């Protein structure tokens, strides 16, 4: 088996290549170990870290509120 490594620079490229390989019926594996935060992700994290800790809502409570609001 031949292995080819493709380094993609953004999510659009990743989606394009993934769709192309699927349409060509070419099997592939994604290596999720090289995950990097986008600038947007970093911005959201920084905003959250700067918030008042007294207003903190844990993940479970957040998911509960989202579920109640959107019915998921």
N, C-alpha and C. Protein backbone atom coordinates (compact mmCIF):
# COMPACT_ATOMS: atom_id res chain seq x y z
N UNK A 1 0.84 -1.17 0.00
CA UNK A 1 0.00 0.00 0.00
C UNK A 1 0.89 1.24 0.00
N UNK A 2 0.49 2.23 -0.77
CA UNK A 2 1.22 3.49 -0.85
C UNK A 2 0.58 4.51 0.07
N UNK A 3 1.41 5.29 0.74
CA UNK A 3 0.90 6.31 1.64
C UNK A 3 1.29 7.68 1.11
N UNK A 4 0.30 8.57 1.05
CA UNK A 4 0.54 9.94 0.62
C UNK A 4 0.09 10.85 1.75
N UNK A 5 0.92 11.80 2.10
CA UNK A 5 0.58 12.76 3.15
C UNK A 5 0.28 14.10 2.49
N UNK A 6 -0.90 14.64 2.80
CA UNK A 6 -1.32 15.92 2.24
C UNK A 6 -1.52 16.88 3.41
N UNK A 7 -0.80 17.99 3.41
CA UNK A 7 -0.96 19.02 4.44
C UNK A 7 -1.85 20.12 3.89
N UNK A 8 -3.01 20.28 4.51
CA UNK A 8 -3.97 21.27 4.06
C UNK A 8 -3.93 22.49 4.96
N UNK A 9 -4.18 23.65 4.38
CA UNK A 9 -4.03 24.89 5.15
C UNK A 9 -5.31 25.39 5.80
N UNK A 10 -6.46 24.85 5.38
CA UNK A 10 -7.70 25.31 6.01
C UNK A 10 -8.80 24.26 5.83
N UNK A 11 -9.92 24.51 6.48
CA UNK A 11 -11.04 23.56 6.48
C UNK A 11 -11.64 23.41 5.08
N UNK A 12 -11.67 24.48 4.29
CA UNK A 12 -12.21 24.40 2.94
C UNK A 12 -11.41 23.42 2.08
N UNK A 13 -10.10 23.50 2.17
CA UNK A 13 -9.25 22.57 1.42
C UNK A 13 -9.50 21.14 1.89
N UNK A 14 -9.60 20.96 3.19
CA UNK A 14 -9.83 19.63 3.75
C UNK A 14 -11.15 19.05 3.23
N UNK A 15 -12.19 19.86 3.24
CA UNK A 15 -13.50 19.42 2.77
C UNK A 15 -13.45 19.07 1.29
N UNK A 16 -12.78 19.91 0.50
CA UNK A 16 -12.66 19.66 -0.93
C UNK A 16 -11.95 18.33 -1.21
N UNK A 17 -10.79 18.14 -0.59
CA UNK A 17 -10.01 16.92 -0.83
C UNK A 17 -10.78 15.69 -0.36
N UNK A 18 -11.41 15.79 0.79
CA UNK A 18 -12.19 14.68 1.33
C UNK A 18 -13.33 14.31 0.38
N UNK A 19 -14.06 15.31 -0.11
CA UNK A 19 -15.16 15.07 -1.05
C UNK A 19 -14.64 14.45 -2.35
N UNK A 20 -13.53 14.99 -2.85
CA UNK A 20 -12.94 14.47 -4.08
C UNK A 20 -12.55 13.00 -3.93
N UNK A 21 -11.86 12.67 -2.85
CA UNK A 21 -11.43 11.29 -2.63
C UNK A 21 -12.62 10.35 -2.49
N UNK A 22 -13.66 10.80 -1.82
CA UNK A 22 -14.86 9.96 -1.67
C UNK A 22 -15.51 9.71 -3.03
N UNK A 23 -15.62 10.76 -3.85
CA UNK A 23 -16.24 10.61 -5.17
C UNK A 23 -15.42 9.69 -6.08
N UNK A 24 -14.10 9.71 -5.90
CA UNK A 24 -13.22 8.85 -6.69
C UNK A 24 -13.12 7.45 -6.09
N UNK A 25 -13.82 7.23 -4.95
CA UNK A 25 -13.80 5.96 -4.24
C UNK A 25 -12.39 5.55 -3.82
N UNK A 26 -11.65 6.56 -3.37
CA UNK A 26 -10.28 6.35 -2.87
C UNK A 26 -10.35 6.36 -1.35
N UNK A 27 -9.89 5.30 -0.73
CA UNK A 27 -9.93 5.25 0.73
C UNK A 27 -8.84 6.16 1.30
N UNK A 28 -9.13 6.72 2.45
CA UNK A 28 -8.18 7.62 3.09
C UNK A 28 -8.40 7.62 4.59
N UNK A 29 -7.38 8.05 5.31
CA UNK A 29 -7.45 8.21 6.76
C UNK A 29 -7.07 9.64 7.09
N UNK A 30 -7.78 10.20 8.04
CA UNK A 30 -7.45 11.54 8.51
C UNK A 30 -6.68 11.41 9.81
N UNK A 31 -5.58 12.11 9.89
CA UNK A 31 -4.79 12.14 11.12
C UNK A 31 -5.23 13.36 11.92
N UNK A 32 -5.98 13.11 12.98
CA UNK A 32 -6.49 14.20 13.80
C UNK A 32 -5.48 14.68 14.84
N UNK A 33 -4.31 14.07 14.88
CA UNK A 33 -3.30 14.44 15.87
C UNK A 33 -2.69 15.81 15.62
N UNK A 34 -2.79 16.28 14.38
CA UNK A 34 -2.17 17.56 14.02
C UNK A 34 -3.13 18.73 14.15
N UNK A 35 -4.12 18.59 15.00
CA UNK A 35 -5.13 19.62 15.15
C UNK A 35 -4.53 20.91 15.67
N UNK A 36 -4.91 22.01 15.04
CA UNK A 36 -4.48 23.33 15.50
C UNK A 36 -5.70 24.22 15.62
N UNK A 37 -5.71 25.04 16.64
CA UNK A 37 -6.81 25.98 16.81
C UNK A 37 -6.75 27.08 15.75
N UNK A 38 -7.91 27.42 15.20
CA UNK A 38 -7.97 28.53 14.26
C UNK A 38 -7.93 29.83 15.06
N UNK A 39 -7.71 30.94 14.38
CA UNK A 39 -7.71 32.25 15.04
C UNK A 39 -9.07 32.51 15.68
N UNK A 40 -10.15 32.11 15.01
CA UNK A 40 -11.49 32.29 15.56
C UNK A 40 -11.67 31.49 16.84
N UNK A 41 -11.20 30.24 16.85
CA UNK A 41 -11.29 29.42 18.05
C UNK A 41 -10.51 30.05 19.20
N UNK A 42 -9.33 30.54 18.90
CA UNK A 42 -8.50 31.19 19.92
C UNK A 42 -9.19 32.43 20.46
N UNK A 43 -9.83 33.21 19.59
CA UNK A 43 -10.53 34.41 20.00
C UNK A 43 -11.67 34.08 20.97
N UNK A 44 -12.46 33.05 20.62
CA UNK A 44 -13.58 32.65 21.47
C UNK A 44 -13.08 32.16 22.83
N UNK A 45 -12.02 31.38 22.82
CA UNK A 45 -11.44 30.88 24.08
C UNK A 45 -10.95 32.05 24.93
N UNK A 46 -10.25 32.99 24.30
CA UNK A 46 -9.75 34.15 25.04
C UNK A 46 -10.89 34.97 25.63
N UNK A 47 -11.98 35.13 24.86
CA UNK A 47 -13.14 35.85 25.38
C UNK A 47 -13.72 35.14 26.60
N UNK A 48 -13.82 33.83 26.51
CA UNK A 48 -14.38 33.04 27.62
C UNK A 48 -13.48 33.13 28.86
N UNK A 49 -12.18 33.07 28.66
CA UNK A 49 -11.26 33.15 29.79
C UNK A 49 -11.31 34.52 30.47
N UNK A 50 -11.69 35.55 29.71
CA UNK A 50 -11.75 36.90 30.27
C UNK A 50 -13.08 37.17 30.99
N UNK A 51 -14.05 36.27 30.87
CA UNK A 51 -15.35 36.46 31.51
C UNK A 51 -15.25 36.33 33.03
N UNK A 52 -16.24 36.91 33.70
CA UNK A 52 -16.34 36.82 35.15
C UNK A 52 -16.62 35.38 35.55
N UNK A 53 -15.79 34.83 36.42
CA UNK A 53 -15.94 33.43 36.82
C UNK A 53 -17.23 33.17 37.58
N UNK A 54 -17.83 34.19 38.15
CA UNK A 54 -19.08 33.99 38.90
C UNK A 54 -20.25 33.67 37.98
N UNK A 55 -20.09 33.94 36.69
CA UNK A 55 -21.16 33.64 35.73
C UNK A 55 -20.90 32.32 34.99
N UNK A 56 -19.92 31.59 35.45
CA UNK A 56 -19.53 30.33 34.78
C UNK A 56 -20.68 29.32 34.76
N UNK A 57 -20.87 28.69 33.60
CA UNK A 57 -21.84 27.60 33.44
C UNK A 57 -21.05 26.41 32.90
N UNK A 58 -21.14 25.26 33.56
CA UNK A 58 -20.37 24.10 33.11
C UNK A 58 -20.97 23.51 31.83
N UNK A 59 -20.24 22.61 31.22
CA UNK A 59 -20.63 22.03 29.93
C UNK A 59 -21.98 21.34 30.01
N UNK A 60 -22.21 20.60 31.07
CA UNK A 60 -23.46 19.87 31.21
C UNK A 60 -24.66 20.83 31.25
N UNK A 61 -24.52 21.90 32.01
CA UNK A 61 -25.60 22.89 32.10
C UNK A 61 -25.80 23.60 30.76
N UNK A 62 -24.69 23.89 30.07
CA UNK A 62 -24.78 24.53 28.75
C UNK A 62 -25.54 23.65 27.77
N UNK A 63 -25.20 22.36 27.76
CA UNK A 63 -25.89 21.43 26.86
C UNK A 63 -27.37 21.30 27.20
N UNK A 64 -27.68 21.33 28.48
CA UNK A 64 -29.07 21.26 28.93
C UNK A 64 -29.85 22.47 28.41
N UNK A 65 -29.27 23.65 28.54
CA UNK A 65 -29.93 24.87 28.07
C UNK A 65 -30.11 24.86 26.55
N UNK A 66 -29.10 24.41 25.84
CA UNK A 66 -29.19 24.32 24.37
C UNK A 66 -30.28 23.33 23.98
N UNK A 67 -30.31 22.21 24.66
CA UNK A 67 -31.32 21.18 24.38
C UNK A 67 -32.73 21.72 24.62
N UNK A 68 -32.91 22.42 25.71
CA UNK A 68 -34.23 22.99 26.03
C UNK A 68 -34.63 24.06 25.00
N UNK A 69 -33.69 24.88 24.61
CA UNK A 69 -33.99 25.97 23.69
C UNK A 69 -34.26 25.49 22.27
N UNK A 70 -33.45 24.53 21.79
CA UNK A 70 -33.54 24.12 20.40
C UNK A 70 -34.13 22.72 20.21
N UNK A 71 -34.49 22.08 21.29
CA UNK A 71 -35.16 20.77 21.20
C UNK A 71 -34.29 19.66 20.65
N UNK A 72 -33.02 19.70 20.96
CA UNK A 72 -32.14 18.62 20.50
C UNK A 72 -31.72 17.75 21.66
